[in-house]
Amino acid sequence: MTTSLQRLRDGKRELRRHRATMSIEEKVRQVVELQKIHIAIVGQRRPLRALERVWRLDKDSSPAPS
C-alpha cells in the first residue's frame, strides 16, 4: 500500500519530468497563467502597485525597434 507521502513524492517526480519536456513557449504560458491567478488574488486584498501586472504576450505589445 502506498502512503500519502509516497504518492506526493511520486506526483512531484512526474510533474518535474513533464516540465522538463515542455517547450519554452509552454513554460512562459504557464507562468503568465500563474501571474493572472496571483494578480486576481492580490487585487482583491489591496490595490495593485504600478509594476504588478500580467505580462502581455501578443505581438502588438512588443516595443517598437529603435
N, C-alpha and C. Protein backbone atom coordinates (compact mmCIF):
# COMPACT_ATOMS: atom_id res chain seq x y z
N MET A 1 0.84 -1.19 0.00
CA MET A 1 0.00 0.00 0.00
C MET A 1 0.88 1.25 0.00
N THR A 2 0.55 2.18 -0.84
CA THR A 2 1.32 3.41 -0.97
C THR A 2 0.85 4.43 0.05
N THR A 3 1.78 5.02 0.75
CA THR A 3 1.43 6.05 1.72
C THR A 3 1.14 7.36 0.99
N SER A 4 0.46 8.25 1.67
CA SER A 4 0.15 9.53 1.05
C SER A 4 1.43 10.32 0.78
N LEU A 5 2.43 10.19 1.64
CA LEU A 5 3.70 10.87 1.41
C LEU A 5 4.38 10.34 0.15
N GLN A 6 4.35 9.04 -0.03
CA GLN A 6 4.95 8.45 -1.23
C GLN A 6 4.21 8.89 -2.49
N ARG A 7 2.88 8.98 -2.41
CA ARG A 7 2.10 9.45 -3.57
C ARG A 7 2.46 10.89 -3.91
N LEU A 8 2.67 11.72 -2.88
CA LEU A 8 3.07 13.11 -3.12
C LEU A 8 4.43 13.16 -3.80
N ARG A 9 5.36 12.36 -3.33
CA ARG A 9 6.70 12.33 -3.93
C ARG A 9 6.64 11.84 -5.37
N ASP A 10 5.84 10.82 -5.62
CA ASP A 10 5.69 10.30 -6.99
C ASP A 10 5.08 11.35 -7.90
N GLY A 11 4.09 12.07 -7.40
CA GLY A 11 3.46 13.13 -8.18
C GLY A 11 4.42 14.25 -8.50
N LYS A 12 5.24 14.61 -7.52
CA LYS A 12 6.23 15.67 -7.73
C LYS A 12 7.26 15.24 -8.77
N ARG A 13 7.69 13.99 -8.71
CA ARG A 13 8.64 13.46 -9.69
C ARG A 13 8.06 13.49 -11.09
N GLU A 14 6.80 13.09 -11.22
CA GLU A 14 6.14 13.10 -12.53
C GLU A 14 5.97 14.53 -13.05
N LEU A 15 5.63 15.46 -12.18
CA LEU A 15 5.50 16.86 -12.58
C LEU A 15 6.83 17.41 -13.08
N ARG A 16 7.91 17.09 -12.40
CA ARG A 16 9.24 17.53 -12.85
C ARG A 16 9.57 16.95 -14.23
N ARG A 17 9.26 15.68 -14.43
CA ARG A 17 9.50 15.07 -15.74
C ARG A 17 8.72 15.79 -16.83
N HIS A 18 7.46 16.07 -16.53
CA HIS A 18 6.62 16.76 -17.51
C HIS A 18 7.17 18.15 -17.83
N ARG A 19 7.52 18.89 -16.80
CA ARG A 19 8.04 20.25 -17.01
C ARG A 19 9.36 20.23 -17.79
N ALA A 20 10.16 19.22 -17.60
CA ALA A 20 11.44 19.13 -18.31
C ALA A 20 11.23 18.93 -19.80
N THR A 21 10.10 18.36 -20.19
CA THR A 21 9.84 18.14 -21.61
C THR A 21 9.08 19.29 -22.26
N MET A 22 8.63 20.26 -21.49
CA MET A 22 7.85 21.38 -22.03
C MET A 22 8.75 22.32 -22.83
N SER A 23 8.20 22.91 -23.87
CA SER A 23 8.94 23.92 -24.63
C SER A 23 8.98 25.21 -23.83
N ILE A 24 9.87 26.11 -24.21
CA ILE A 24 9.96 27.40 -23.51
C ILE A 24 8.66 28.18 -23.65
N GLU A 25 8.00 28.06 -24.80
CA GLU A 25 6.73 28.76 -25.00
C GLU A 25 5.67 28.26 -24.03
N GLU A 26 5.63 26.94 -23.83
CA GLU A 26 4.66 26.38 -22.88
C GLU A 26 4.97 26.83 -21.46
N LYS A 27 6.24 26.90 -21.12
CA LYS A 27 6.63 27.34 -19.77
C LYS A 27 6.25 28.79 -19.54
N VAL A 28 6.46 29.65 -20.54
CA VAL A 28 6.10 31.06 -20.41
C VAL A 28 4.58 31.20 -20.28
N ARG A 29 3.82 30.45 -21.08
CA ARG A 29 2.35 30.49 -20.96
C ARG A 29 1.90 30.08 -19.57
N GLN A 30 2.56 29.09 -19.01
CA GLN A 30 2.22 28.63 -17.66
C GLN A 30 2.50 29.73 -16.63
N VAL A 31 3.64 30.40 -16.77
CA VAL A 31 3.98 31.49 -15.86
C VAL A 31 2.94 32.61 -15.95
N VAL A 32 2.53 32.95 -17.16
CA VAL A 32 1.54 34.01 -17.34
C VAL A 32 0.21 33.63 -16.70
N GLU A 33 -0.21 32.39 -16.85
CA GLU A 33 -1.45 31.94 -16.21
C GLU A 33 -1.35 32.04 -14.69
N LEU A 34 -0.19 31.67 -14.14
CA LEU A 34 0.00 31.79 -12.70
C LEU A 34 0.02 33.25 -12.27
N GLN A 35 0.58 34.14 -13.10
CA GLN A 35 0.54 35.58 -12.81
C GLN A 35 -0.90 36.07 -12.73
N LYS A 36 -1.73 35.64 -13.66
CA LYS A 36 -3.13 36.07 -13.66
C LYS A 36 -3.82 35.66 -12.38
N ILE A 37 -3.57 34.45 -11.93
CA ILE A 37 -4.18 33.98 -10.68
C ILE A 37 -3.67 34.81 -9.50
N HIS A 38 -2.36 35.03 -9.46
CA HIS A 38 -1.76 35.81 -8.37
C HIS A 38 -2.31 37.24 -8.33
N ILE A 39 -2.36 37.89 -9.49
CA ILE A 39 -2.85 39.27 -9.56
C ILE A 39 -4.32 39.34 -9.14
N ALA A 40 -5.11 38.36 -9.52
CA ALA A 40 -6.52 38.35 -9.13
C ALA A 40 -6.66 38.26 -7.61
N ILE A 41 -5.85 37.43 -6.99
CA ILE A 41 -5.91 37.27 -5.53
C ILE A 41 -5.40 38.53 -4.83
N VAL A 42 -4.26 39.03 -5.25
CA VAL A 42 -3.68 40.22 -4.63
C VAL A 42 -4.60 41.42 -4.84
N GLY A 43 -5.17 41.53 -6.05
CA GLY A 43 -6.05 42.66 -6.36
C GLY A 43 -7.31 42.69 -5.50
N GLN A 44 -7.73 41.55 -5.00
CA GLN A 44 -8.89 41.51 -4.09
C GLN A 44 -8.51 41.95 -2.68
N ARG A 45 -7.25 41.83 -2.34
CA ARG A 45 -6.80 42.14 -0.98
C ARG A 45 -6.35 43.59 -0.81
N ARG A 46 -5.79 44.16 -1.89
CA ARG A 46 -5.26 45.53 -1.81
C ARG A 46 -5.14 46.09 -3.21
N PRO A 47 -4.97 47.41 -3.32
CA PRO A 47 -4.75 47.99 -4.65
C PRO A 47 -3.42 47.49 -5.23
N LEU A 48 -3.41 47.24 -6.52
CA LEU A 48 -2.19 46.77 -7.17
C LEU A 48 -1.18 47.90 -7.31
N ARG A 49 0.08 47.55 -7.20
CA ARG A 49 1.16 48.53 -7.39
C ARG A 49 1.40 48.71 -8.89
N ALA A 50 2.15 49.73 -9.25
CA ALA A 50 2.37 50.06 -10.65
C ALA A 50 2.99 48.91 -11.45
N LEU A 51 3.90 48.17 -10.87
CA LEU A 51 4.59 47.11 -11.60
C LEU A 51 3.92 45.76 -11.46
N GLU A 52 2.84 45.66 -10.74
CA GLU A 52 2.12 44.41 -10.58
C GLU A 52 1.11 44.26 -11.71
N ARG A 53 1.57 43.67 -12.78
CA ARG A 53 0.70 43.46 -13.93
C ARG A 53 1.12 42.18 -14.63
N VAL A 54 0.21 41.61 -15.37
CA VAL A 54 0.48 40.38 -16.09
C VAL A 54 1.25 40.70 -17.37
N TRP A 55 2.21 39.87 -17.70
CA TRP A 55 2.96 40.06 -18.94
C TRP A 55 2.03 39.96 -20.13
N ARG A 56 2.23 40.83 -21.10
CA ARG A 56 1.48 40.74 -22.36
C ARG A 56 2.33 39.99 -23.35
N LEU A 57 1.73 39.01 -23.99
CA LEU A 57 2.47 38.17 -24.92
C LEU A 57 2.10 38.39 -26.38
N ASP A 58 1.07 39.20 -26.63
CA ASP A 58 0.67 39.40 -28.02
C ASP A 58 1.72 40.21 -28.77
N LYS A 59 1.78 40.05 -30.07
CA LYS A 59 2.82 40.67 -30.88
C LYS A 59 2.71 42.19 -30.88
N ASP A 60 1.50 42.72 -30.70
CA ASP A 60 1.31 44.17 -30.73
C ASP A 60 1.88 44.86 -29.51
N SER A 61 2.18 44.11 -28.44
CA SER A 61 2.66 44.73 -27.21
C SER A 61 4.18 44.88 -27.17
N SER A 62 4.90 44.30 -28.13
CA SER A 62 6.34 44.40 -28.11
C SER A 62 6.78 45.82 -28.47
N PRO A 63 7.85 46.28 -27.86
CA PRO A 63 8.32 47.65 -28.14
C PRO A 63 8.76 47.81 -29.60
N ALA A 64 8.58 49.00 -30.10
CA ALA A 64 8.97 49.29 -31.48
C ALA A 64 10.49 49.31 -31.57
N PRO A 65 11.05 48.81 -32.67
CA PRO A 65 12.52 48.82 -32.83
C PRO A 65 13.05 50.24 -32.89
N SER A 66 14.24 50.44 -32.38
CA SER A 66 14.84 51.78 -32.36
C SER A 66 15.52 52.10 -33.66
